[in-house]
């Protein structure tokens, strides 16, 4: 678990997050989404927009897809 948190914190810092709330939220999102956090194009595009200052992290979280696929 510690290794996952270190990886998540490194990812959060890589996109420019510095506030405690953003760091905690980022770590939580990586735990909720698992490996999908790093591979889902919908998520990676939004995190790229955060890194480039086109989108605030709080707004990016609101735009994320459901953590579990919805049943049809």
N, C-alpha and C. Protein backbone atom coordinates (compact mmCIF):
# COMPACT_ATOMS: atom_id res chain seq x y z
N UNK A 1 0.83 -1.19 0.00
CA UNK A 1 0.00 0.00 0.00
C UNK A 1 0.87 1.25 0.00
N UNK A 2 1.94 1.24 0.78
CA UNK A 2 2.83 2.39 0.85
C UNK A 2 3.43 2.70 -0.51
N UNK A 3 3.79 1.65 -1.24
CA UNK A 3 4.36 1.84 -2.58
C UNK A 3 3.35 2.50 -3.51
N UNK A 4 2.08 2.08 -3.41
CA UNK A 4 1.02 2.68 -4.24
C UNK A 4 0.85 4.16 -3.93
N UNK A 5 0.93 4.49 -2.64
CA UNK A 5 0.77 5.89 -2.25
C UNK A 5 1.95 6.74 -2.72
N UNK A 6 3.14 6.18 -2.65
CA UNK A 6 4.32 6.92 -3.13
C UNK A 6 4.21 7.16 -4.64
N UNK A 7 3.77 6.14 -5.38
CA UNK A 7 3.59 6.29 -6.83
C UNK A 7 2.54 7.36 -7.11
N UNK A 8 1.44 7.33 -6.34
CA UNK A 8 0.37 8.30 -6.54
C UNK A 8 0.84 9.71 -6.22
N UNK A 9 1.57 9.88 -5.13
CA UNK A 9 2.07 11.21 -4.77
C UNK A 9 3.03 11.74 -5.84
N UNK A 10 3.86 10.86 -6.37
CA UNK A 10 4.76 11.28 -7.45
C UNK A 10 3.95 11.73 -8.67
N UNK A 11 2.88 11.01 -8.98
CA UNK A 11 2.01 11.39 -10.10
C UNK A 11 1.32 12.71 -9.86
N UNK A 12 0.87 12.92 -8.63
CA UNK A 12 0.21 14.19 -8.29
C UNK A 12 1.18 15.36 -8.45
N UNK A 13 2.38 15.17 -7.97
CA UNK A 13 3.38 16.25 -8.09
C UNK A 13 3.79 16.48 -9.54
N UNK A 14 3.80 15.41 -10.32
CA UNK A 14 4.18 15.52 -11.73
C UNK A 14 3.19 16.39 -12.52
N UNK A 15 1.94 16.42 -12.08
CA UNK A 15 0.97 17.28 -12.79
C UNK A 15 0.81 18.62 -12.10
N UNK A 16 1.65 18.89 -11.10
CA UNK A 16 1.68 20.21 -10.48
C UNK A 16 0.81 20.40 -9.25
N UNK A 17 0.29 19.34 -8.68
CA UNK A 17 -0.53 19.48 -7.49
C UNK A 17 0.36 19.70 -6.27
N UNK A 18 -0.01 20.66 -5.43
CA UNK A 18 0.80 20.93 -4.24
C UNK A 18 -0.03 21.03 -2.97
N UNK A 19 -1.29 21.38 -3.08
CA UNK A 19 -2.14 21.52 -1.90
C UNK A 19 -2.48 20.17 -1.29
N UNK A 20 -2.58 20.12 0.03
CA UNK A 20 -2.86 18.87 0.73
C UNK A 20 -4.15 18.22 0.25
N UNK A 21 -5.20 19.03 0.07
CA UNK A 21 -6.48 18.47 -0.39
C UNK A 21 -6.34 17.82 -1.75
N UNK A 22 -5.67 18.50 -2.68
CA UNK A 22 -5.48 17.93 -4.01
C UNK A 22 -4.63 16.66 -3.96
N UNK A 23 -3.58 16.67 -3.14
CA UNK A 23 -2.73 15.48 -3.03
C UNK A 23 -3.52 14.29 -2.48
N UNK A 24 -4.30 14.54 -1.43
CA UNK A 24 -5.11 13.46 -0.85
C UNK A 24 -6.15 12.97 -1.85
N UNK A 25 -6.82 13.89 -2.52
CA UNK A 25 -7.82 13.50 -3.52
C UNK A 25 -7.20 12.69 -4.65
N UNK A 26 -6.01 13.09 -5.09
CA UNK A 26 -5.33 12.37 -6.16
C UNK A 26 -5.02 10.94 -5.71
N UNK A 27 -4.47 10.80 -4.52
CA UNK A 27 -4.15 9.46 -4.00
C UNK A 27 -5.42 8.62 -3.90
N UNK A 28 -6.49 9.22 -3.39
CA UNK A 28 -7.77 8.50 -3.30
C UNK A 28 -8.27 8.06 -4.67
N UNK A 29 -8.17 8.92 -5.65
CA UNK A 29 -8.62 8.56 -7.00
C UNK A 29 -7.81 7.39 -7.56
N UNK A 30 -6.50 7.39 -7.30
CA UNK A 30 -5.69 6.26 -7.80
C UNK A 30 -6.08 4.96 -7.12
N UNK A 31 -6.45 5.03 -5.85
CA UNK A 31 -6.88 3.82 -5.14
C UNK A 31 -8.25 3.36 -5.63
N UNK A 32 -9.14 4.30 -5.91
CA UNK A 32 -10.48 3.95 -6.39
C UNK A 32 -10.43 3.37 -7.80
N UNK A 33 -9.68 4.01 -8.70
CA UNK A 33 -9.64 3.58 -10.10
C UNK A 33 -8.63 2.49 -10.38
N UNK A 34 -7.66 2.30 -9.50
CA UNK A 34 -6.65 1.27 -9.72
C UNK A 34 -5.81 1.56 -10.95
N UNK A 35 -5.43 0.50 -11.64
CA UNK A 35 -4.59 0.66 -12.84
C UNK A 35 -5.29 1.43 -13.94
N UNK A 36 -6.60 1.45 -13.91
CA UNK A 36 -7.37 2.22 -14.90
C UNK A 36 -7.00 3.70 -14.86
N UNK A 37 -6.59 4.19 -13.67
CA UNK A 37 -6.21 5.59 -13.52
C UNK A 37 -5.11 5.98 -14.50
N UNK A 38 -4.21 5.04 -14.76
CA UNK A 38 -3.06 5.31 -15.62
C UNK A 38 -3.27 4.91 -17.07
N UNK A 39 -4.37 4.22 -17.37
CA UNK A 39 -4.54 3.72 -18.73
C UNK A 39 -5.81 4.20 -19.44
N UNK A 40 -6.80 4.67 -18.70
CA UNK A 40 -8.06 5.11 -19.31
C UNK A 40 -7.84 6.46 -20.00
N UNK A 41 -8.05 6.51 -21.32
CA UNK A 41 -7.82 7.77 -22.04
C UNK A 41 -8.63 8.94 -21.50
N UNK A 42 -9.83 8.68 -21.05
CA UNK A 42 -10.68 9.74 -20.51
C UNK A 42 -10.01 10.38 -19.28
N UNK A 43 -9.39 9.56 -18.46
CA UNK A 43 -8.72 10.05 -17.26
C UNK A 43 -7.39 10.71 -17.60
N UNK A 44 -6.59 10.06 -18.44
CA UNK A 44 -5.27 10.60 -18.74
C UNK A 44 -5.35 11.93 -19.48
N UNK A 45 -6.35 12.08 -20.33
CA UNK A 45 -6.52 13.36 -21.04
C UNK A 45 -6.82 14.47 -20.04
N UNK A 46 -7.68 14.19 -19.08
CA UNK A 46 -8.01 15.22 -18.07
C UNK A 46 -6.81 15.56 -17.19
N UNK A 47 -6.03 14.57 -16.84
CA UNK A 47 -4.85 14.85 -16.01
C UNK A 47 -3.79 15.63 -16.81
N UNK A 48 -3.73 15.39 -18.10
CA UNK A 48 -2.83 16.18 -18.95
C UNK A 48 -3.30 17.62 -18.99
N UNK A 49 -4.59 17.83 -19.06
CA UNK A 49 -5.14 19.19 -19.07
C UNK A 49 -4.86 19.90 -17.74
N UNK A 50 -4.90 19.14 -16.63
CA UNK A 50 -4.55 19.72 -15.32
C UNK A 50 -3.08 20.12 -15.33
N UNK A 51 -2.23 19.23 -15.81
CA UNK A 51 -0.78 19.50 -15.83
C UNK A 51 -0.47 20.74 -16.66
N UNK A 52 -1.20 20.95 -17.73
CA UNK A 52 -0.96 22.10 -18.61
C UNK A 52 -1.71 23.36 -18.17
N UNK A 53 -2.34 23.29 -17.01
CA UNK A 53 -3.10 24.42 -16.44
C UNK A 53 -4.30 24.83 -17.29
N UNK A 54 -4.87 23.89 -18.04
CA UNK A 54 -6.08 24.17 -18.80
C UNK A 54 -7.32 23.86 -17.97
N UNK A 55 -7.13 23.10 -16.87
CA UNK A 55 -8.25 22.62 -16.08
C UNK A 55 -7.80 22.49 -14.63
N UNK A 56 -8.64 22.94 -13.71
CA UNK A 56 -8.35 22.78 -12.29
C UNK A 56 -8.61 21.33 -11.89
N UNK A 57 -7.83 20.82 -10.95
CA UNK A 57 -7.98 19.43 -10.53
C UNK A 57 -9.38 19.15 -9.99
N UNK A 58 -9.93 20.08 -9.21
CA UNK A 58 -11.30 19.89 -8.69
C UNK A 58 -12.30 19.69 -9.82
N UNK A 59 -12.16 20.45 -10.88
CA UNK A 59 -13.06 20.31 -12.02
C UNK A 59 -12.81 19.00 -12.76
N UNK A 60 -11.56 18.61 -12.87
CA UNK A 60 -11.22 17.35 -13.54
C UNK A 60 -11.87 16.17 -12.83
N UNK A 61 -11.87 16.20 -11.50
CA UNK A 61 -12.48 15.11 -10.74
C UNK A 61 -13.97 15.00 -11.05
N UNK A 62 -14.62 16.13 -11.18
CA UNK A 62 -16.06 16.13 -11.49
C UNK A 62 -16.36 15.53 -12.85
N UNK A 63 -15.39 15.59 -13.76
CA UNK A 63 -15.59 15.12 -15.13
C UNK A 63 -15.16 13.68 -15.35
N UNK A 64 -14.67 13.02 -14.31
CA UNK A 64 -14.19 11.65 -14.46
C UNK A 64 -15.34 10.69 -14.72
N UNK A 65 -15.06 9.62 -15.45
CA UNK A 65 -16.10 8.61 -15.69
C UNK A 65 -16.38 7.86 -14.38
N UNK A 66 -17.49 7.13 -14.31
CA UNK A 66 -17.77 6.35 -13.11
C UNK A 66 -16.62 5.39 -12.82
N UNK A 67 -16.37 5.16 -11.54
CA UNK A 67 -15.25 4.28 -11.17
C UNK A 67 -15.54 2.83 -11.52
N UNK A 68 -16.81 2.49 -11.58
CA UNK A 68 -17.20 1.15 -12.01
C UNK A 68 -18.12 1.28 -13.21
N UNK A 69 -17.94 0.40 -14.18
CA UNK A 69 -18.81 0.47 -15.36
C UNK A 69 -20.28 0.36 -14.96
N UNK A 70 -21.11 1.15 -15.61
CA UNK A 70 -22.55 1.07 -15.35
C UNK A 70 -23.13 -0.08 -16.15
N UNK A 71 -24.14 -0.70 -15.57
CA UNK A 71 -24.80 -1.82 -16.27
C UNK A 71 -25.87 -1.26 -17.19
N UNK A 72 -25.97 -1.86 -18.36
CA UNK A 72 -26.97 -1.42 -19.35
C UNK A 72 -28.29 -2.09 -19.13
